[in-house]
Amino acid sequence: MEDTAIFAGGCFWCMVKPFDTMPGINKVISGYTGGHVANPSYEQVSSHTTGHTEAVKINFDPDIISYKQLVQIYWQQTDPTDAMGQFQDRGDNYRPVIFVKDEAQRKIAEASKKALEETGMFDQPIVTQIEDAKPFYPAEEEHQQFYKKNPFRFQMEEAGGREKFVKDHWQSKQK
């Protein structure tokens, strides 16, 4: 059995590796969703005229890893207090969103967001949106598995603030 999850958390290059390395993940696809243009290109999405957000679509085996676990991994890759981008990536195409495909996913995502808010872990409100999934368009091949194809460039992207934020806000709080 296979299920899917769609998350947006800034540059899709940085959202692949944390999921790709987990047991039960069959495939992580970089792409675009949430907008009004069919089959957009990277250039179109980057122009901020399509309404699309860079996202990852995760095909997973729910007998090995649950949607709830995926949502927890998602939170730990993002700054949930930044509505218009993530780290050095700015704009609506980098906004943080959990795209839900059904009511079961919505309930899990909303409960998880509420639990995060109640921790008081952040000084600012949690602004990550939970929205209905729309058509997902895979990105061009050069964007797939970017962290494997371009390790140096990927490392530079991670060094743009995400790696430090994750370490300071997530890893240090879990000890």
Protein backbone atom coordinates (compact mmCIF):
# COMPACT_ATOMS: atom_id res chain seq x y z
CA MET A 1 0.00 0.00 0.00
CA GLU A 2 1.20 3.52 -0.76
CA ASP A 3 -0.01 6.93 0.37
CA THR A 4 1.07 10.49 -0.45
CA ALA A 5 1.84 13.70 1.43
CA ILE A 6 2.65 17.16 0.05
CA PHE A 7 4.66 19.74 1.97
CA ALA A 8 6.06 23.15 1.08
CA GLY A 9 8.84 24.56 3.22
CA GLY A 10 10.97 26.90 1.18
CA CYS A 11 13.29 25.68 -1.54
CA PHE A 12 12.24 22.20 -2.57
CA TRP A 13 15.87 21.15 -2.88
CA CYS A 14 16.18 21.32 0.91
CA MET A 15 12.93 19.48 1.60
CA VAL A 16 13.88 16.25 -0.19
CA LYS A 17 16.77 14.86 1.85
CA PRO A 18 15.11 14.78 5.30
CA PHE A 19 12.29 12.61 3.94
CA ASP A 20 14.27 10.69 1.32
CA THR A 21 16.47 9.09 3.97
CA MET A 22 13.60 7.78 6.16
CA PRO A 23 12.45 4.15 6.18
CA GLY A 24 9.09 3.73 4.48
CA ILE A 25 9.62 6.56 2.00
CA ASN A 26 9.32 5.22 -1.52
CA LYS A 27 9.91 8.44 -3.46
CA VAL A 28 10.23 12.19 -2.92
CA ILE A 29 9.39 14.37 -5.91
CA SER A 30 10.21 18.08 -6.16
CA GLY A 31 7.48 20.10 -7.81
CA TYR A 32 4.96 22.90 -7.81
CA THR A 33 1.45 23.11 -6.39
CA GLY A 34 -1.21 25.48 -5.16
CA GLY A 35 -1.36 27.74 -8.20
CA HIS A 36 -3.48 28.35 -11.27
CA VAL A 37 -1.07 27.54 -14.15
CA ALA A 38 -0.96 23.98 -15.50
CA ASN A 39 2.49 22.41 -15.86
CA PRO A 40 4.48 25.48 -14.82
CA SER A 41 8.21 25.77 -15.32
CA TYR A 42 10.73 26.74 -12.65
CA GLU A 43 11.10 30.13 -14.34
CA GLN A 44 7.33 30.72 -14.31
CA VAL A 45 7.02 29.80 -10.63
CA SER A 46 10.01 31.99 -9.79
CA SER A 47 8.28 34.94 -11.49
CA HIS A 48 5.58 34.90 -8.77
CA THR A 49 2.79 34.96 -11.38
CA THR A 50 1.53 31.37 -11.18
CA GLY A 51 0.39 31.18 -7.56
CA HIS A 52 2.44 28.00 -7.18
CA THR A 53 4.63 27.07 -4.25
CA GLU A 54 7.73 24.89 -4.45
CA ALA A 55 6.84 21.65 -2.67
CA VAL A 56 7.67 17.99 -2.31
CA LYS A 57 5.32 15.09 -2.91
CA ILE A 58 6.18 12.10 -0.76
CA ASN A 59 5.09 8.59 -1.67
CA PHE A 60 5.23 6.52 1.50
CA ASP A 61 4.22 3.19 3.00
CA PRO A 62 1.86 3.95 5.92
CA ASP A 63 2.63 0.54 7.42
CA ILE A 64 6.23 1.70 7.98
CA ILE A 65 5.90 5.46 8.53
CA SER A 66 2.71 7.31 9.38
CA TYR A 67 1.43 10.61 8.04
CA LYS A 68 1.66 11.94 11.60
CA GLN A 69 5.39 11.09 11.66
CA LEU A 70 5.86 12.84 8.30
CA VAL A 71 4.21 15.98 9.65
CA GLN A 72 6.60 15.92 12.62
CA ILE A 73 9.57 15.63 10.27
CA TYR A 74 8.14 18.49 8.20
CA TRP A 75 7.91 20.87 11.16
CA GLN A 76 11.54 20.19 12.00
CA GLN A 77 12.71 21.37 8.57
CA THR A 78 10.98 24.74 8.62
CA ASP A 79 10.56 28.04 10.40
CA PRO A 80 6.82 27.85 11.08
CA THR A 81 6.74 31.56 12.04
CA ASP A 82 7.74 32.86 8.60
CA ALA A 83 4.75 33.13 6.25
CA MET A 84 6.47 34.51 3.15
CA GLY A 85 9.48 32.34 2.63
CA GLN A 86 11.99 30.22 4.41
CA PHE A 87 15.44 31.40 5.41
CA GLN A 88 17.16 33.11 2.47
CA ASP A 89 14.39 32.07 0.05
CA ARG A 90 11.78 34.84 -0.02
CA GLY A 91 8.39 35.12 -1.67
CA ASP A 92 5.07 33.37 -2.00
CA ASN A 93 6.60 30.50 -3.97
CA TYR A 94 8.60 29.58 -0.83
CA ARG A 95 5.82 29.86 1.75
CA PRO A 96 5.36 27.03 4.27
CA VAL A 97 2.23 24.95 3.63
CA ILE A 98 0.97 21.51 4.54
CA PHE A 99 -1.22 20.46 1.61
CA VAL A 100 -3.80 17.91 2.77
CA LYS A 101 -5.56 15.46 0.49
CA ASP A 102 -8.42 14.50 2.81
CA GLU A 103 -10.06 15.12 6.17
CA ALA A 104 -7.87 12.54 7.94
CA GLN A 105 -4.70 14.39 6.89
CA ARG A 106 -6.29 17.72 7.81
CA LYS A 107 -7.09 16.54 11.35
CA ILE A 108 -3.55 15.25 11.87
CA ALA A 109 -1.98 18.44 10.48
CA GLU A 110 -4.22 20.75 12.51
CA ALA A 111 -3.68 18.79 15.73
CA SER A 112 0.06 18.85 15.14
CA LYS A 113 0.04 22.61 14.49
CA LYS A 114 -2.02 23.20 17.65
CA ALA A 115 0.36 21.04 19.69
CA LEU A 116 3.32 23.01 18.33
CA GLU A 117 1.63 26.30 19.23
CA GLU A 118 0.99 25.03 22.76
CA THR A 119 4.65 24.20 23.35
CA GLY A 120 5.52 27.89 23.43
CA MET A 121 8.70 26.96 21.61
CA PHE A 122 8.49 30.04 19.37
CA ASP A 123 8.11 33.70 20.35
CA GLN A 124 5.97 34.42 17.28
CA PRO A 125 2.73 32.82 16.03
CA ILE A 126 2.83 29.63 13.96
CA VAL A 127 1.80 30.84 10.50
CA THR A 128 2.28 27.71 8.38
CA GLN A 129 -0.88 27.22 6.37
CA ILE A 130 -2.86 23.99 6.04
CA GLU A 131 -4.57 23.94 2.65
CA ASP A 132 -6.39 21.49 0.43
CA ALA A 133 -4.09 19.76 -2.02
CA LYS A 134 -4.29 20.95 -5.60
CA PRO A 135 -2.73 19.37 -8.68
CA PHE A 136 0.98 18.68 -8.16
CA TYR A 137 3.34 19.22 -11.09
CA PRO A 138 6.77 17.56 -10.93
CA ALA A 139 9.65 19.98 -11.41
CA GLU A 140 12.16 19.64 -14.18
CA GLU A 141 14.60 16.71 -13.94
CA GLU A 142 17.53 18.89 -12.83
CA HIS A 143 15.60 19.69 -9.62
CA GLN A 144 14.93 16.05 -8.71
CA GLN A 145 17.23 14.59 -6.04
CA PHE A 146 19.24 17.82 -6.18
CA TYR A 147 21.14 17.06 -2.97
CA LYS A 148 22.62 13.96 -4.62
CA LYS A 149 23.32 15.51 -8.03
CA ASN A 150 24.78 18.80 -6.77
CA PRO A 151 26.13 18.25 -3.26
CA PHE A 152 28.21 21.45 -3.13
CA ARG A 153 25.38 23.71 -4.32
CA PHE A 154 22.98 21.91 -2.00
CA GLN A 155 25.32 22.53 0.94
CA MET A 156 25.46 26.23 0.07
CA GLU A 157 21.64 26.34 0.07
CA GLU A 158 21.53 24.64 3.48
CA ALA A 159 24.12 27.09 4.79
CA GLY A 160 21.72 29.94 3.94
CA GLY A 161 20.15 29.70 7.37
CA ARG A 162 18.13 26.48 7.35
CA GLU A 163 20.82 24.24 8.83
CA LYS A 164 21.53 26.61 11.74
CA PHE A 165 17.83 27.24 12.41
CA VAL A 166 17.05 23.51 12.50
CA LYS A 167 19.96 22.89 14.85
CA ASP A 168 19.11 25.83 17.14
CA HIS A 169 15.34 25.42 17.25
CA TRP A 170 14.67 21.75 16.73
CA GLN A 171 17.68 19.59 17.50
CA SER A 172 18.72 21.49 20.64
CA LYS A 173 15.15 21.37 22.04
CA GLN A 174 14.84 17.60 21.65
CA LYS A 175 17.68 16.57 23.92
